[in-house]
N, C-alpha and C. Protein backbone atom coordinates (compact mmCIF):
# COMPACT_ATOMS: atom_id res chain seq x y z
N UNK A 1 96.91 -15.76 -192.15
CA UNK A 1 96.88 -15.39 -190.74
C UNK A 1 97.86 -16.22 -189.92
N UNK A 2 98.79 -16.86 -190.58
CA UNK A 2 99.73 -17.69 -189.84
C UNK A 2 100.63 -16.86 -188.94
N UNK A 3 101.06 -15.70 -189.41
CA UNK A 3 101.99 -14.91 -188.64
C UNK A 3 101.34 -13.94 -187.67
N UNK A 4 100.03 -13.80 -187.73
CA UNK A 4 99.35 -12.83 -186.88
C UNK A 4 98.90 -13.49 -185.59
N UNK A 5 98.97 -12.72 -184.52
CA UNK A 5 98.47 -13.21 -183.24
C UNK A 5 97.85 -12.05 -182.48
N UNK A 6 97.05 -12.37 -181.52
CA UNK A 6 96.40 -11.34 -180.72
C UNK A 6 97.45 -10.66 -179.86
N UNK A 7 97.42 -9.34 -179.83
CA UNK A 7 98.45 -8.60 -179.13
C UNK A 7 98.38 -8.84 -177.62
N UNK A 8 97.20 -8.83 -177.07
CA UNK A 8 97.04 -9.02 -175.63
C UNK A 8 96.29 -10.32 -175.36
N UNK A 9 96.65 -11.39 -176.05
CA UNK A 9 95.95 -12.66 -175.94
C UNK A 9 96.00 -13.25 -174.55
N UNK A 10 97.14 -13.12 -173.88
CA UNK A 10 97.27 -13.69 -172.54
C UNK A 10 96.37 -12.94 -171.55
N UNK A 11 96.38 -11.62 -171.63
CA UNK A 11 95.54 -10.82 -170.73
C UNK A 11 94.06 -11.04 -171.00
N UNK A 12 93.68 -11.04 -172.27
CA UNK A 12 92.28 -11.29 -172.61
C UNK A 12 91.87 -12.70 -172.19
N UNK A 13 92.76 -13.65 -172.36
CA UNK A 13 92.46 -15.02 -171.96
C UNK A 13 92.21 -15.13 -170.47
N UNK A 14 93.02 -14.45 -169.67
CA UNK A 14 92.84 -14.49 -168.21
C UNK A 14 91.52 -13.84 -167.83
N UNK A 15 91.19 -12.69 -168.44
CA UNK A 15 89.93 -12.01 -168.10
C UNK A 15 88.72 -12.83 -168.50
N UNK A 16 88.76 -13.46 -169.66
CA UNK A 16 87.65 -14.30 -170.10
C UNK A 16 87.55 -15.54 -169.23
N UNK A 17 88.69 -16.08 -168.82
CA UNK A 17 88.70 -17.25 -167.93
C UNK A 17 88.07 -16.90 -166.57
N UNK A 18 88.40 -15.73 -166.04
CA UNK A 18 87.81 -15.30 -164.77
C UNK A 18 86.30 -15.12 -164.91
N UNK A 19 85.87 -14.53 -166.03
CA UNK A 19 84.43 -14.38 -166.27
C UNK A 19 83.75 -15.74 -166.34
N UNK A 20 84.39 -16.70 -166.97
CA UNK A 20 83.83 -18.05 -167.03
C UNK A 20 83.69 -18.68 -165.66
N UNK A 21 84.71 -18.51 -164.81
CA UNK A 21 84.63 -19.05 -163.45
C UNK A 21 83.53 -18.36 -162.64
N UNK A 22 83.34 -17.07 -162.86
CA UNK A 22 82.26 -16.36 -162.15
C UNK A 22 80.90 -16.90 -162.58
N UNK A 23 80.73 -17.14 -163.87
CA UNK A 23 79.46 -17.69 -164.35
C UNK A 23 79.22 -19.11 -163.84
N UNK A 24 80.27 -19.91 -163.78
CA UNK A 24 80.12 -21.27 -163.25
C UNK A 24 79.79 -21.22 -161.76
N UNK A 25 80.41 -20.30 -161.02
CA UNK A 25 80.08 -20.14 -159.60
C UNK A 25 78.63 -19.68 -159.43
N UNK A 26 78.17 -18.78 -160.29
CA UNK A 26 76.77 -18.34 -160.22
C UNK A 26 75.83 -19.51 -160.49
N UNK A 27 76.19 -20.36 -161.44
CA UNK A 27 75.36 -21.54 -161.72
C UNK A 27 75.33 -22.48 -160.52
N UNK A 28 76.47 -22.64 -159.86
CA UNK A 28 76.50 -23.50 -158.68
C UNK A 28 75.64 -22.92 -157.56
N UNK A 29 75.71 -21.61 -157.38
CA UNK A 29 74.88 -20.98 -156.34
C UNK A 29 73.40 -21.11 -156.68
N UNK A 30 73.05 -20.94 -157.94
CA UNK A 30 71.65 -21.10 -158.35
C UNK A 30 71.21 -22.55 -158.15
N UNK A 31 72.08 -23.48 -158.48
CA UNK A 31 71.73 -24.90 -158.36
C UNK A 31 71.48 -25.31 -156.92
N UNK A 32 72.27 -24.75 -156.01
CA UNK A 32 72.10 -25.07 -154.59
C UNK A 32 71.12 -24.15 -153.89
N UNK A 33 70.43 -23.32 -154.68
CA UNK A 33 69.40 -22.42 -154.16
C UNK A 33 69.94 -21.48 -153.09
N UNK A 34 71.13 -20.95 -153.33
CA UNK A 34 71.72 -20.02 -152.38
C UNK A 34 71.48 -18.57 -152.76
N UNK A 35 71.05 -18.31 -153.99
CA UNK A 35 70.72 -16.96 -154.40
C UNK A 35 69.24 -16.70 -154.14
N UNK A 36 68.87 -15.49 -153.75
CA UNK A 36 67.47 -15.21 -153.43
C UNK A 36 66.52 -15.35 -154.63
N UNK A 37 67.02 -15.17 -155.84
CA UNK A 37 66.13 -15.25 -157.00
C UNK A 37 65.72 -16.68 -157.33
N UNK A 38 66.38 -17.63 -156.74
CA UNK A 38 66.07 -19.02 -157.07
C UNK A 38 65.32 -19.73 -155.94
N UNK A 39 64.52 -18.99 -155.21
CA UNK A 39 63.73 -19.61 -154.13
C UNK A 39 62.69 -20.53 -154.77
N UNK A 40 62.58 -21.71 -154.22
CA UNK A 40 61.65 -22.68 -154.80
C UNK A 40 60.21 -22.22 -154.61
N UNK A 41 59.47 -22.39 -155.67
CA UNK A 41 58.05 -22.06 -155.59
C UNK A 41 57.28 -23.29 -155.09
N UNK A 42 56.10 -23.09 -154.57
CA UNK A 42 55.34 -24.22 -154.05
C UNK A 42 54.80 -25.14 -155.15
N UNK A 43 54.97 -24.76 -156.41
CA UNK A 43 54.47 -25.61 -157.49
C UNK A 43 55.38 -26.81 -157.66
N UNK A 44 54.82 -27.96 -157.98
CA UNK A 44 55.66 -29.13 -158.21
C UNK A 44 56.47 -28.99 -159.51
N UNK A 45 57.48 -29.82 -159.63
CA UNK A 45 58.37 -29.77 -160.79
C UNK A 45 57.65 -30.09 -162.10
N UNK A 46 56.58 -30.83 -162.07
CA UNK A 46 55.88 -31.22 -163.29
C UNK A 46 55.25 -30.02 -163.99
N UNK A 47 54.90 -28.97 -163.23
CA UNK A 47 54.22 -27.82 -163.81
C UNK A 47 55.17 -26.74 -164.30
N UNK A 48 56.46 -26.91 -164.15
CA UNK A 48 57.42 -25.90 -164.58
C UNK A 48 57.60 -26.01 -166.10
N UNK A 49 57.43 -24.90 -166.82
CA UNK A 49 57.59 -24.97 -168.28
C UNK A 49 59.02 -25.34 -168.68
N UNK A 50 59.14 -25.89 -169.87
CA UNK A 50 60.44 -26.33 -170.37
C UNK A 50 61.37 -25.14 -170.55
N UNK A 51 60.83 -23.98 -170.91
CA UNK A 51 61.66 -22.79 -171.12
C UNK A 51 62.36 -22.39 -169.82
N UNK A 52 61.68 -22.48 -168.70
CA UNK A 52 62.30 -22.14 -167.42
C UNK A 52 63.41 -23.11 -167.06
N UNK A 53 63.26 -24.37 -167.44
CA UNK A 53 64.32 -25.34 -167.16
C UNK A 53 65.56 -25.05 -167.99
N UNK A 54 65.38 -24.64 -169.24
CA UNK A 54 66.51 -24.33 -170.11
C UNK A 54 67.20 -23.05 -169.63
N UNK A 55 66.43 -22.04 -169.27
CA UNK A 55 66.99 -20.76 -168.80
C UNK A 55 67.77 -20.98 -167.51
N UNK A 56 67.41 -21.96 -166.74
CA UNK A 56 68.09 -22.26 -165.48
C UNK A 56 69.56 -22.61 -165.70
N UNK A 57 69.89 -23.22 -166.85
CA UNK A 57 71.26 -23.68 -167.10
C UNK A 57 72.09 -22.73 -167.95
N UNK A 58 71.56 -21.59 -168.35
CA UNK A 58 72.31 -20.67 -169.21
C UNK A 58 73.60 -20.16 -168.57
N UNK A 59 73.63 -19.76 -167.29
CA UNK A 59 74.92 -19.30 -166.73
C UNK A 59 75.99 -20.39 -166.74
N UNK A 60 75.62 -21.62 -166.49
CA UNK A 60 76.59 -22.70 -166.50
C UNK A 60 77.14 -22.99 -167.88
N UNK A 61 76.26 -23.00 -168.87
CA UNK A 61 76.69 -23.24 -170.24
C UNK A 61 77.58 -22.09 -170.72
N UNK A 62 77.17 -20.85 -170.44
CA UNK A 62 77.98 -19.70 -170.83
C UNK A 62 79.32 -19.71 -170.10
N UNK A 63 79.32 -20.13 -168.84
CA UNK A 63 80.57 -20.22 -168.08
C UNK A 63 81.54 -21.23 -168.66
N UNK A 64 81.02 -22.37 -169.08
CA UNK A 64 81.87 -23.40 -169.69
C UNK A 64 82.44 -22.89 -171.01
N UNK A 65 81.60 -22.23 -171.82
CA UNK A 65 82.09 -21.68 -173.08
C UNK A 65 83.14 -20.60 -172.86
N UNK A 66 82.91 -19.71 -171.89
CA UNK A 66 83.87 -18.64 -171.62
C UNK A 66 85.18 -19.21 -171.09
N UNK A 67 85.11 -20.22 -170.26
CA UNK A 67 86.32 -20.86 -169.75
C UNK A 67 87.11 -21.49 -170.89
N UNK A 68 86.41 -22.14 -171.81
CA UNK A 68 87.08 -22.76 -172.95
C UNK A 68 87.75 -21.72 -173.84
N UNK A 69 87.05 -20.62 -174.11
CA UNK A 69 87.62 -19.56 -174.95
C UNK A 69 88.82 -18.92 -174.25
N UNK A 70 88.71 -18.68 -172.95
CA UNK A 70 89.83 -18.10 -172.20
C UNK A 70 91.06 -18.99 -172.23
N UNK A 71 90.86 -20.29 -172.03
CA UNK A 71 91.98 -21.22 -172.10
C UNK A 71 92.57 -21.27 -173.50
N UNK A 72 91.73 -21.17 -174.52
CA UNK A 72 92.22 -21.16 -175.89
C UNK A 72 93.11 -19.95 -176.13
N UNK A 73 92.69 -18.77 -175.68
CA UNK A 73 93.50 -17.57 -175.85
C UNK A 73 94.83 -17.67 -175.11
N UNK A 74 94.79 -18.20 -173.89
CA UNK A 74 96.02 -18.33 -173.11
C UNK A 74 96.98 -19.31 -173.78
N UNK A 75 96.46 -20.46 -174.20
CA UNK A 75 97.32 -21.46 -174.83
C UNK A 75 97.79 -21.01 -176.21
N UNK A 76 96.95 -20.31 -176.94
CA UNK A 76 97.35 -19.81 -178.24
C UNK A 76 98.49 -18.82 -178.10
N UNK A 77 98.42 -17.96 -177.11
CA UNK A 77 99.47 -16.99 -176.89
C UNK A 77 100.75 -17.67 -176.41
N UNK A 78 100.60 -18.70 -175.62
CA UNK A 78 101.77 -19.38 -175.06
C UNK A 78 102.53 -20.20 -176.10
N UNK A 79 101.81 -20.89 -176.98
CA UNK A 79 102.47 -21.79 -177.92
C UNK A 79 102.72 -21.17 -179.29
N UNK A 80 102.39 -19.91 -179.45
CA UNK A 80 102.60 -19.25 -180.74
C UNK A 80 104.08 -18.96 -180.92
N UNK A 81 104.55 -19.12 -182.12
CA UNK A 81 105.96 -18.86 -182.42
C UNK A 81 106.22 -17.36 -182.27
N UNK A 82 107.18 -17.01 -181.46
CA UNK A 82 107.46 -15.61 -181.17
C UNK A 82 108.45 -14.98 -182.14
N UNK A 83 109.08 -15.77 -183.00
CA UNK A 83 110.05 -15.19 -183.92
C UNK A 83 109.30 -14.42 -185.00
N UNK A 84 109.71 -13.21 -185.20
CA UNK A 84 109.06 -12.37 -186.19
C UNK A 84 110.06 -12.04 -187.29
N UNK A 85 110.33 -13.01 -188.13
CA UNK A 85 111.24 -12.80 -189.25
C UNK A 85 110.46 -12.13 -190.36
N UNK A 86 110.88 -10.95 -190.76
CA UNK A 86 110.15 -10.29 -191.85
C UNK A 86 110.40 -11.02 -193.17
N UNK A 87 109.45 -10.94 -194.08
CA UNK A 87 109.64 -11.61 -195.37
C UNK A 87 110.75 -10.94 -196.16
N UNK A 88 111.30 -11.68 -197.08
CA UNK A 88 112.35 -11.13 -197.93
C UNK A 88 111.78 -9.99 -198.76
N UNK A 89 112.60 -8.96 -198.99
CA UNK A 89 112.13 -7.78 -199.70
C UNK A 89 112.94 -7.57 -200.97
N UNK A 90 112.30 -6.93 -201.91
CA UNK A 90 112.98 -6.57 -203.14
C UNK A 90 113.77 -5.28 -202.91
N UNK A 91 114.48 -4.80 -203.94
CA UNK A 91 115.26 -3.57 -203.80
C UNK A 91 114.37 -2.36 -203.54
N UNK A 92 113.14 -2.41 -204.03
CA UNK A 92 112.23 -1.29 -203.83
C UNK A 92 111.61 -1.29 -202.44
N UNK A 93 111.77 -2.38 -201.70
CA UNK A 93 111.25 -2.45 -200.33
C UNK A 93 109.96 -3.23 -200.19
N UNK A 94 109.42 -3.72 -201.30
CA UNK A 94 108.20 -4.50 -201.24
C UNK A 94 108.51 -5.97 -200.93
N UNK A 95 107.60 -6.65 -200.21
CA UNK A 95 107.86 -8.07 -199.93
C UNK A 95 107.80 -8.90 -201.21
N UNK A 96 108.59 -9.97 -201.22
CA UNK A 96 108.64 -10.85 -202.39
C UNK A 96 107.47 -11.79 -202.41
């Protein structure tokens, strides 16, 4: 797979990067209680199950992963060797 690269790696990288930023922004809004679904309940923090605490951070974790993957695609496309020298061929046309 040395010579193969993603055909639209730069475009896919930008779209995945934007999705990652949207998820990170959603996590920030949830953290600052700016979204209506994250209205604080009158119960104290001690009574909140551990599962709810973990689910609270899923958009942020997914956003960080998506941002990392998007940057990887962009950088992979940018630093990939663009020369496409075909392999040497025999007289019959098959690669050596």
